[in-house]
Amino acid sequence: MTQAVAHKQGSAAIPEPEHRIEPTSQSKLDEALAILEDHKNEWVALDIDERIELLEHLRERTVDVAERWVAASV
């Protein structure tokens, strides 16, 4: 019968990334959420084709900035 061997465990040493983008302030987050709240009924009023068009536009814009997001994260 083999015996289990306990190994000392710890966490990997992961270097802190260089921050190039300032964190979003609480007031800016609150402002963005207030804008969403103010316009939520406009989203509900859109028909399905309008929603699809808007979401496709958002997807395209996300692709446009994706490389910068990746670069900022490393």
N, C-alpha and C. Protein backbone atom coordinates (compact mmCIF):
# COMPACT_ATOMS: atom_id res chain seq x y z
N MET A 1 0.84 -1.17 0.00
CA MET A 1 0.00 0.00 0.00
C MET A 1 0.89 1.24 0.00
N THR A 2 0.54 2.22 -0.85
CA THR A 2 1.35 3.45 -0.89
C THR A 2 0.76 4.48 0.04
N GLN A 3 1.63 5.32 0.55
CA GLN A 3 1.18 6.37 1.45
C GLN A 3 1.09 7.69 0.69
N ALA A 4 0.13 8.49 1.08
CA ALA A 4 0.00 9.81 0.49
C ALA A 4 1.09 10.71 1.07
N VAL A 5 1.65 11.54 0.22
CA VAL A 5 2.68 12.47 0.65
C VAL A 5 2.10 13.87 0.59
N ALA A 6 2.20 14.58 1.68
CA ALA A 6 1.69 15.96 1.72
C ALA A 6 2.76 16.89 1.16
N HIS A 7 2.37 17.71 0.22
CA HIS A 7 3.28 18.70 -0.35
C HIS A 7 2.86 20.07 0.13
N LYS A 8 3.84 20.89 0.42
CA LYS A 8 3.55 22.27 0.83
C LYS A 8 2.95 23.00 -0.37
N GLN A 9 1.85 23.66 -0.14
CA GLN A 9 1.18 24.36 -1.23
C GLN A 9 1.22 25.85 -0.97
N GLY A 10 1.22 26.58 -2.03
CA GLY A 10 1.19 28.04 -1.96
C GLY A 10 0.62 28.57 -3.26
N SER A 11 0.70 29.84 -3.44
CA SER A 11 0.19 30.42 -4.67
C SER A 11 1.37 30.82 -5.55
N ALA A 12 1.11 30.85 -6.83
CA ALA A 12 2.14 31.24 -7.79
C ALA A 12 2.45 32.72 -7.62
N ALA A 13 3.68 33.07 -7.86
CA ALA A 13 4.08 34.48 -7.80
C ALA A 13 3.69 35.12 -9.13
N ILE A 14 2.64 35.89 -9.11
CA ILE A 14 2.15 36.55 -10.31
C ILE A 14 2.46 38.04 -10.18
N PRO A 15 3.24 38.58 -11.11
CA PRO A 15 3.60 40.00 -11.00
C PRO A 15 2.38 40.90 -11.18
N GLU A 16 2.40 42.00 -10.49
CA GLU A 16 1.33 42.99 -10.61
C GLU A 16 1.45 43.66 -11.98
N PRO A 17 0.36 43.74 -12.76
CA PRO A 17 0.45 44.37 -14.08
C PRO A 17 0.63 45.88 -13.96
N GLU A 18 1.21 46.43 -15.00
CA GLU A 18 1.33 47.89 -15.06
C GLU A 18 -0.04 48.44 -15.44
N HIS A 19 -0.57 49.32 -14.63
CA HIS A 19 -1.90 49.88 -14.89
C HIS A 19 -1.77 51.08 -15.82
N ARG A 20 -2.43 50.98 -16.96
CA ARG A 20 -2.39 52.08 -17.92
C ARG A 20 -3.72 52.81 -18.00
N ILE A 21 -4.75 52.21 -17.46
CA ILE A 21 -6.08 52.81 -17.52
C ILE A 21 -6.53 53.09 -16.10
N GLU A 22 -6.93 54.32 -15.88
CA GLU A 22 -7.40 54.69 -14.54
C GLU A 22 -8.70 53.96 -14.23
N PRO A 23 -8.88 53.54 -12.99
CA PRO A 23 -10.14 52.90 -12.62
C PRO A 23 -11.30 53.89 -12.75
N THR A 24 -12.46 53.35 -13.07
CA THR A 24 -13.65 54.18 -13.18
C THR A 24 -14.13 54.54 -11.78
N SER A 25 -14.41 55.81 -11.60
CA SER A 25 -14.85 56.28 -10.28
C SER A 25 -16.29 55.81 -10.00
N GLN A 26 -16.63 55.77 -8.73
CA GLN A 26 -17.98 55.39 -8.34
C GLN A 26 -19.01 56.35 -8.92
N SER A 27 -18.67 57.64 -8.96
CA SER A 27 -19.62 58.62 -9.50
C SER A 27 -19.87 58.41 -10.99
N LYS A 28 -18.83 58.03 -11.74
CA LYS A 28 -19.01 57.74 -13.17
C LYS A 28 -19.86 56.49 -13.37
N LEU A 29 -19.64 55.47 -12.53
CA LEU A 29 -20.47 54.26 -12.61
C LEU A 29 -21.92 54.59 -12.30
N ASP A 30 -22.13 55.38 -11.25
CA ASP A 30 -23.49 55.77 -10.88
C ASP A 30 -24.16 56.55 -12.00
N GLU A 31 -23.40 57.43 -12.65
CA GLU A 31 -23.93 58.23 -13.75
C GLU A 31 -24.33 57.32 -14.92
N ALA A 32 -23.49 56.36 -15.25
CA ALA A 32 -23.79 55.43 -16.35
C ALA A 32 -25.03 54.60 -16.04
N LEU A 33 -25.14 54.14 -14.80
CA LEU A 33 -26.32 53.36 -14.40
C LEU A 33 -27.59 54.21 -14.44
N ALA A 34 -27.47 55.47 -14.07
CA ALA A 34 -28.63 56.37 -14.12
C ALA A 34 -29.11 56.57 -15.56
N ILE A 35 -28.16 56.67 -16.49
CA ILE A 35 -28.52 56.82 -17.90
C ILE A 35 -29.25 55.56 -18.38
N LEU A 36 -28.74 54.40 -18.01
CA LEU A 36 -29.42 53.15 -18.38
C LEU A 36 -30.83 53.11 -17.80
N GLU A 37 -30.95 53.49 -16.55
CA GLU A 37 -32.27 53.50 -15.89
C GLU A 37 -33.23 54.45 -16.61
N ASP A 38 -32.72 55.63 -16.99
CA ASP A 38 -33.56 56.63 -17.66
C ASP A 38 -34.06 56.15 -19.03
N HIS A 39 -33.31 55.27 -19.67
CA HIS A 39 -33.65 54.86 -21.04
C HIS A 39 -34.10 53.41 -21.16
N LYS A 40 -34.34 52.75 -20.06
CA LYS A 40 -34.69 51.33 -20.12
C LYS A 40 -35.98 51.08 -20.90
N ASN A 41 -36.92 51.98 -20.82
CA ASN A 41 -38.19 51.78 -21.53
C ASN A 41 -38.03 51.90 -23.04
N GLU A 42 -37.01 52.64 -23.48
CA GLU A 42 -36.74 52.74 -24.92
C GLU A 42 -36.34 51.37 -25.47
N TRP A 43 -35.55 50.62 -24.71
CA TRP A 43 -35.14 49.27 -25.13
C TRP A 43 -36.36 48.37 -25.23
N VAL A 44 -37.22 48.43 -24.24
CA VAL A 44 -38.42 47.59 -24.22
C VAL A 44 -39.32 47.90 -25.41
N ALA A 45 -39.34 49.16 -25.83
CA ALA A 45 -40.21 49.58 -26.93
C ALA A 45 -39.68 49.17 -28.31
N LEU A 46 -38.41 48.81 -28.41
CA LEU A 46 -37.86 48.43 -29.71
C LEU A 46 -38.44 47.09 -30.18
N ASP A 47 -38.68 47.00 -31.50
CA ASP A 47 -39.10 45.69 -32.01
C ASP A 47 -37.86 44.82 -32.20
N ILE A 48 -38.06 43.57 -32.50
CA ILE A 48 -36.95 42.62 -32.54
C ILE A 48 -35.90 42.99 -33.58
N ASP A 49 -36.32 43.48 -34.75
CA ASP A 49 -35.36 43.86 -35.79
C ASP A 49 -34.49 45.03 -35.33
N GLU A 50 -35.09 45.98 -34.64
CA GLU A 50 -34.31 47.11 -34.13
C GLU A 50 -33.31 46.66 -33.06
N ARG A 51 -33.73 45.73 -32.22
CA ARG A 51 -32.81 45.20 -31.20
C ARG A 51 -31.64 44.47 -31.85
N ILE A 52 -31.95 43.65 -32.86
CA ILE A 52 -30.89 42.92 -33.56
C ILE A 52 -29.90 43.90 -34.19
N GLU A 53 -30.42 44.92 -34.85
CA GLU A 53 -29.56 45.92 -35.49
C GLU A 53 -28.65 46.61 -34.45
N LEU A 54 -29.22 46.99 -33.34
CA LEU A 54 -28.44 47.65 -32.29
C LEU A 54 -27.38 46.71 -31.72
N LEU A 55 -27.75 45.47 -31.44
CA LEU A 55 -26.80 44.52 -30.88
C LEU A 55 -25.68 44.18 -31.87
N GLU A 56 -26.01 44.11 -33.16
CA GLU A 56 -24.96 43.88 -34.16
C GLU A 56 -23.99 45.06 -34.20
N HIS A 57 -24.52 46.26 -34.10
CA HIS A 57 -23.67 47.46 -34.06
C HIS A 57 -22.75 47.42 -32.84
N LEU A 58 -23.30 47.05 -31.69
CA LEU A 58 -22.49 46.96 -30.47
C LEU A 58 -21.40 45.89 -30.62
N ARG A 59 -21.74 44.78 -31.24
CA ARG A 59 -20.74 43.72 -31.45
C ARG A 59 -19.61 44.23 -32.34
N GLU A 60 -19.96 44.93 -33.41
CA GLU A 60 -18.93 45.47 -34.31
C GLU A 60 -18.04 46.46 -33.58
N ARG A 61 -18.62 47.32 -32.77
CA ARG A 61 -17.83 48.31 -32.01
C ARG A 61 -16.94 47.61 -30.99
N THR A 62 -17.41 46.52 -30.41
CA THR A 62 -16.59 45.77 -29.46
C THR A 62 -15.39 45.17 -30.17
N VAL A 63 -15.60 44.62 -31.35
CA VAL A 63 -14.49 44.07 -32.13
C VAL A 63 -13.48 45.17 -32.46
N ASP A 64 -13.97 46.37 -32.74
CA ASP A 64 -13.08 47.49 -33.07
C ASP A 64 -12.10 47.81 -31.94
N VAL A 65 -12.51 47.62 -30.69
CA VAL A 65 -11.66 47.98 -29.55
C VAL A 65 -11.06 46.77 -28.85
N ALA A 66 -11.36 45.56 -29.32
CA ALA A 66 -10.92 44.35 -28.62
C ALA A 66 -9.41 44.27 -28.46
N GLU A 67 -8.66 44.60 -29.49
CA GLU A 67 -7.21 44.51 -29.40
C GLU A 67 -6.67 45.47 -28.34
N ARG A 68 -7.25 46.66 -28.25
CA ARG A 68 -6.81 47.61 -27.21
C ARG A 68 -7.14 47.09 -25.83
N TRP A 69 -8.27 46.42 -25.66
CA TRP A 69 -8.62 45.85 -24.36
C TRP A 69 -7.61 44.78 -23.96
N VAL A 70 -7.25 43.95 -24.92
CA VAL A 70 -6.27 42.89 -24.63
C VAL A 70 -4.93 43.52 -24.28
N ALA A 71 -4.49 44.50 -25.06
CA ALA A 71 -3.20 45.15 -24.79
C ALA A 71 -3.21 45.81 -23.41
N ALA A 72 -4.33 46.39 -23.03
CA ALA A 72 -4.41 47.05 -21.72
C ALA A 72 -4.40 46.05 -20.58
N SER A 73 -4.78 44.82 -20.86
CA SER A 73 -4.88 43.83 -19.78
C SER A 73 -3.56 43.13 -19.49
N VAL A 74 -2.59 43.29 -20.37
CA VAL A 74 -1.30 42.60 -20.14
C VAL A 74 -0.21 43.56 -19.75
